[in-house]
């Protein structure tokens, strides 16, 4: 009887130990899976999904050439004077507010955010997933960004604060896109298209969306634009520029406006 009792106790202890071991392994596995999901979520927040998967599976991502991409640049007019009137914390908080709004607009229009450079913001349409609507989507994002800035400046005016004026420029053409280096991964794009998009922004006007002739030709059926003249672009010669005024009003929309007017 004594021996049997001892065996029962030993079996109970062994069973309890195995059960506790099972709970520990299960809890540890759950923690590892949660951390893995968190790491994947962070990686997807930094890189496009297909690039992140390629990097995760192969340890590297091969740069890709895209023949037709629309690149959008924004930049704040007179940023230096605006920055001098704010503390470092206020400046970062203000930029974060604007860029967070731009992030939402970019995502809503199916574009890919590339990066921020100081007070400049850069995104692109047609990468990494190729599509044919990126010129009009990118213009729509530019108009949405300027509409946000107009609303924001109205609120600032009511509070007696100076406005933040923004220029937006867009150009469409070929780019190379990918990830380079082995630390602090960042998805980036290269090529003359990026340089010309930057020129479109710097030669634009606050509150306007300035586009190149290549973007205009692809989106002129969707947007009413006004011709501005030419600029000289490195490696490209002279390029025509246009201000985007508003979307083209479809006949059905005109009819509805008449009916409801």
Protein backbone atom coordinates (compact mmCIF):
# COMPACT_ATOMS: atom_id res chain seq x y z
CA UNK A 1 0.00 0.00 0.00
CA UNK A 2 2.80 2.37 0.94
CA UNK A 3 4.63 1.65 -2.33
CA UNK A 4 1.46 2.23 -4.33
CA UNK A 5 0.85 5.52 -2.54
CA UNK A 6 4.39 6.66 -3.30
CA UNK A 7 3.92 5.72 -6.97
CA UNK A 8 0.70 7.69 -7.12
CA UNK A 9 2.38 10.72 -5.58
CA UNK A 10 5.34 10.43 -7.96
CA UNK A 11 3.04 10.07 -10.95
CA UNK A 12 1.03 13.08 -9.76
CA UNK A 13 4.20 15.14 -9.40
CA UNK A 14 5.42 13.98 -12.80
CA UNK A 15 2.05 14.78 -14.36
CA UNK A 16 2.00 18.20 -12.70
CA UNK A 17 5.53 18.87 -13.89
CA UNK A 18 4.69 17.85 -17.44
CA UNK A 19 1.55 19.96 -17.37
CA UNK A 20 3.46 22.99 -16.08
CA UNK A 21 6.11 22.32 -18.71
CA UNK A 22 3.39 22.19 -21.38
CA UNK A 23 1.92 25.51 -20.15
CA UNK A 24 5.38 27.11 -20.12
CA UNK A 25 6.20 25.93 -23.67
CA UNK A 26 2.79 27.06 -24.90
CA UNK A 27 3.14 30.48 -23.24
CA UNK A 28 6.66 30.89 -24.58
CA UNK A 29 5.53 29.93 -28.08
CA UNK A 30 2.70 32.46 -27.88
CA UNK A 31 5.11 35.21 -26.79
CA UNK A 32 7.50 34.33 -29.64
CA UNK A 33 4.64 34.40 -32.16
CA UNK A 34 3.45 37.76 -30.82
CA UNK A 35 6.95 39.22 -31.10
CA UNK A 36 7.30 37.78 -34.61
CA UNK A 37 3.97 39.33 -35.62
CA UNK A 38 5.07 42.64 -34.10
CA UNK A 39 8.36 42.53 -36.01
CA UNK A 40 6.55 41.73 -39.26
CA UNK A 41 4.07 44.54 -38.65
CA UNK A 42 6.94 46.96 -38.04
CA UNK A 43 8.71 45.79 -41.21
CA UNK A 44 5.52 46.21 -43.24
CA UNK A 45 5.15 49.71 -41.81
CA UNK A 46 8.61 50.58 -43.16
CA UNK A 47 8.65 48.71 -46.48
CA UNK A 48 6.12 47.70 -49.15
CA UNK A 49 4.72 44.23 -48.45
CA UNK A 50 6.35 42.42 -51.38
CA UNK A 51 9.73 44.01 -50.59
CA UNK A 52 9.40 43.11 -46.91
CA UNK A 53 8.55 39.48 -47.78
CA UNK A 54 11.49 39.24 -50.18
CA UNK A 55 13.82 40.69 -47.56
CA UNK A 56 12.47 38.34 -44.90
CA UNK A 57 12.74 35.23 -47.07
CA UNK A 58 15.99 35.95 -48.93
CA UNK A 59 17.84 38.38 -46.68
CA UNK A 60 17.97 40.88 -49.56
CA UNK A 61 15.62 42.61 -51.99
CA UNK A 62 16.57 43.04 -55.65
CA UNK A 63 15.99 46.62 -56.96
CA UNK A 64 13.37 46.81 -59.71
CA UNK A 65 12.93 49.08 -62.72
CA UNK A 66 9.52 50.64 -63.34
CA UNK A 67 8.87 52.30 -66.68
CA UNK A 68 6.01 54.54 -65.58
CA UNK A 69 5.69 55.98 -62.06
CA UNK A 70 4.21 59.25 -60.79
CA UNK A 71 6.36 60.93 -58.13
CA UNK A 72 4.96 63.62 -55.82
CA UNK A 73 7.02 66.07 -53.77
CA UNK A 74 5.81 68.58 -51.18
CA UNK A 75 7.77 71.33 -49.48
CA UNK A 76 6.82 74.16 -47.11
CA UNK A 77 7.38 77.69 -48.35
CA UNK A 78 9.59 79.87 -46.06
CA UNK A 79 10.12 76.93 -43.71
CA UNK A 80 13.22 78.44 -42.10
CA UNK A 81 11.32 81.49 -40.85
CA UNK A 82 8.46 79.30 -39.64
CA UNK A 83 10.89 77.04 -37.77
CA UNK A 84 12.65 79.96 -36.09
CA UNK A 85 9.39 81.03 -34.45
CA UNK A 86 8.87 77.62 -32.79
CA UNK A 87 10.63 75.57 -30.14
CA UNK A 88 12.18 72.28 -31.28
CA UNK A 89 9.32 70.33 -29.73
CA UNK A 90 6.64 72.54 -31.30
CA UNK A 91 8.32 72.25 -34.70
CA UNK A 92 8.43 68.45 -34.62
CA UNK A 93 4.84 68.24 -33.36
CA UNK A 94 3.65 70.51 -36.17
CA UNK A 95 5.52 68.57 -38.86
CA UNK A 96 4.22 65.31 -37.42
CA UNK A 97 0.65 66.61 -37.63
CA UNK A 98 1.02 67.54 -41.29
CA UNK A 99 2.93 64.44 -42.36
CA UNK A 100 0.52 62.13 -40.51
CA UNK A 101 -2.34 63.69 -42.47
CA UNK A 102 -0.34 63.29 -45.70
CA UNK A 103 0.24 59.61 -44.82
CA UNK A 104 -3.52 59.05 -44.57
CA UNK A 105 -4.14 60.83 -47.89
CA UNK A 106 -1.40 58.84 -49.63
CA UNK A 107 -2.83 55.56 -48.35
CA UNK A 108 -6.40 56.52 -49.30
CA UNK A 109 -5.25 57.20 -52.88
CA UNK A 110 -3.32 53.95 -53.26
CA UNK A 111 0.14 55.52 -53.31
CA UNK A 112 3.38 54.48 -51.63
CA UNK A 113 5.04 56.83 -49.17
CA UNK A 114 8.77 56.97 -49.86
CA UNK A 115 10.23 59.25 -47.18
CA UNK A 116 10.38 62.64 -45.52
CA UNK A 117 13.48 64.81 -45.94
CA UNK A 118 13.45 67.63 -43.41
CA UNK A 119 10.25 69.53 -44.23
CA UNK A 120 9.78 67.74 -47.59
CA UNK A 121 7.48 64.78 -48.17
CA UNK A 122 7.80 62.30 -51.03
CA UNK A 123 5.47 59.58 -52.32
CA UNK A 124 4.84 57.74 -55.59
CA UNK A 125 2.08 56.00 -57.52
CA UNK A 126 2.46 52.89 -59.66
CA UNK A 127 4.90 51.13 -57.31
CA UNK A 128 5.45 48.50 -56.08
CA UNK A 129 2.19 47.31 -57.67
CA UNK A 130 2.01 48.45 -61.29
CA UNK A 131 -1.25 50.15 -62.31
CA UNK A 132 -2.52 52.55 -64.98
CA UNK A 133 -4.37 54.99 -62.69
CA UNK A 134 -1.34 56.33 -60.81
CA UNK A 135 -1.17 59.75 -62.60
CA UNK A 136 -4.74 60.67 -61.66
CA UNK A 137 -4.39 59.07 -58.21
CA UNK A 138 -1.26 61.09 -57.52
CA UNK A 139 -2.89 64.32 -58.67
CA UNK A 140 -5.90 63.54 -56.48
CA UNK A 141 -3.55 63.08 -53.51
CA UNK A 142 -1.88 66.42 -54.30
CA UNK A 143 -5.25 68.19 -54.39
CA UNK A 144 -6.33 66.46 -51.17
CA UNK A 145 -3.11 67.57 -49.46
CA UNK A 146 -3.64 71.18 -50.54
CA UNK A 147 -7.27 71.01 -49.37
CA UNK A 148 -6.05 69.80 -45.98
CA UNK A 149 -3.53 72.64 -45.80
CA UNK A 150 -6.24 75.19 -46.68
CA UNK A 151 -8.47 73.87 -43.88
CA UNK A 152 -5.55 73.78 -41.44
CA UNK A 153 -4.53 77.35 -42.27
CA UNK A 154 -8.11 78.53 -41.76
CA UNK A 155 -8.05 77.04 -38.26
CA UNK A 156 -4.64 78.62 -37.57
CA UNK A 157 -5.92 82.01 -38.72
CA UNK A 158 -8.83 81.77 -36.27
CA UNK A 159 -6.28 81.16 -33.51
CA UNK A 160 -4.08 84.05 -34.61
CA UNK A 161 -1.30 81.77 -35.87
CA UNK A 162 0.69 82.20 -39.10
CA UNK A 163 -0.22 79.90 -42.02
CA UNK A 164 1.95 77.11 -43.36
CA UNK A 165 2.04 77.35 -47.15
CA UNK A 166 2.87 74.24 -49.18
CA UNK A 167 4.08 73.61 -52.74
CA UNK A 168 3.27 70.32 -54.50
CA UNK A 169 4.99 69.02 -57.65
CA UNK A 170 4.39 65.85 -59.69
CA UNK A 171 6.25 64.21 -62.59
CA UNK A 172 5.72 60.86 -64.30
CA UNK A 173 8.46 58.68 -65.77
CA UNK A 174 10.77 55.69 -65.17
CA UNK A 175 12.39 54.97 -61.79
CA UNK A 176 14.42 52.29 -60.08
CA UNK A 177 13.04 51.25 -56.69
CA UNK A 178 14.38 49.08 -53.91
CA UNK A 179 16.28 48.74 -50.66
CA UNK A 180 20.04 49.30 -50.37
CA UNK A 181 22.43 48.77 -47.47
CA UNK A 182 22.11 46.36 -44.55
CA UNK A 183 21.09 48.61 -41.65
CA UNK A 184 18.07 50.87 -41.07
CA UNK A 185 16.31 49.59 -44.17
CA UNK A 186 14.45 52.16 -46.24
CA UNK A 187 12.54 51.75 -49.50
CA UNK A 188 13.68 54.41 -51.96
CA UNK A 189 13.49 55.39 -55.64
CA UNK A 190 16.12 56.79 -58.00
CA UNK A 191 16.34 58.36 -61.45
CA UNK A 192 15.76 61.57 -63.40
CA UNK A 193 12.03 61.29 -62.70
CA UNK A 194 12.69 61.98 -59.02
CA UNK A 195 14.81 65.04 -59.88
CA UNK A 196 12.20 66.44 -62.26
CA UNK A 197 9.42 65.92 -59.69
CA UNK A 198 11.51 67.93 -57.24
CA UNK A 199 11.86 70.68 -59.87
CA UNK A 200 8.09 70.68 -60.36
CA UNK A 201 7.69 71.31 -56.65
CA UNK A 202 10.35 74.02 -56.36
CA UNK A 203 8.95 75.84 -59.41
CA UNK A 204 5.37 75.60 -58.22
CA UNK A 205 3.34 77.98 -56.09
CA UNK A 206 1.97 77.64 -52.57
CA UNK A 207 -1.52 76.16 -52.53
CA UNK A 208 -1.16 74.76 -56.06
CA UNK A 209 -0.37 71.36 -57.62
CA UNK A 210 2.25 71.80 -60.35
CA UNK A 211 2.63 68.92 -62.83
CA UNK A 212 4.90 68.15 -65.76
CA UNK A 213 3.76 67.62 -69.34
CA UNK A 214 4.22 63.84 -69.01
CA UNK A 215 1.80 63.71 -66.07
CA UNK A 216 -0.56 66.13 -67.83
CA UNK A 217 -0.75 63.98 -70.98
CA UNK A 218 -1.77 60.95 -68.90
CA UNK A 219 -4.38 62.75 -66.78
CA UNK A 220 -5.71 65.58 -68.99
CA UNK A 221 -9.00 63.74 -69.52
CA UNK A 222 -9.57 63.70 -65.76
CA UNK A 223 -8.38 67.16 -64.69
CA UNK A 224 -8.66 70.71 -65.97
CA UNK A 225 -5.19 72.26 -66.05
CA UNK A 226 -3.70 75.64 -66.97
CA UNK A 227 -0.45 75.90 -68.93
CA UNK A 228 2.39 77.70 -67.14
CA UNK A 229 5.34 77.65 -69.50
CA UNK A 230 8.61 75.74 -69.61
CA UNK A 231 11.51 75.06 -67.26
CA UNK A 232 14.95 73.67 -68.01
CA UNK A 233 15.54 70.25 -66.45
CA UNK A 234 18.92 68.53 -66.27
CA UNK A 235 19.22 65.71 -68.85
CA UNK A 236 15.68 66.47 -70.05
CA UNK A 237 15.85 69.83 -71.81
CA UNK A 238 12.81 72.07 -71.53
CA UNK A 239 9.70 70.67 -69.85
CA UNK A 240 6.19 72.13 -69.97
CA UNK A 241 4.43 72.76 -66.65
CA UNK A 242 0.75 72.91 -65.74
CA UNK A 243 -1.26 73.88 -62.68
CA UNK A 244 -4.07 71.45 -61.86
CA UNK A 245 -7.24 73.51 -61.40
CA UNK A 246 -9.97 70.94 -60.67
CA UNK A 247 -11.35 67.57 -61.81
CA UNK A 248 -13.18 67.40 -65.13
CA UNK A 249 -16.92 67.60 -64.59
CA UNK A 250 -18.63 64.64 -66.24
CA UNK A 251 -21.83 65.29 -68.28
CA UNK A 252 -23.92 63.37 -65.72
CA UNK A 253 -22.57 65.60 -62.96
CA UNK A 254 -23.46 68.71 -64.96
CA UNK A 255 -27.00 67.41 -65.42
CA UNK A 256 -27.35 66.68 -61.71
CA UNK A 257 -26.09 70.16 -60.83
CA UNK A 258 -28.70 71.71 -63.13
CA UNK A 259 -31.48 69.57 -61.67
CA UNK A 260 -30.56 70.38 -58.09
CA UNK A 261 -29.76 74.06 -58.64
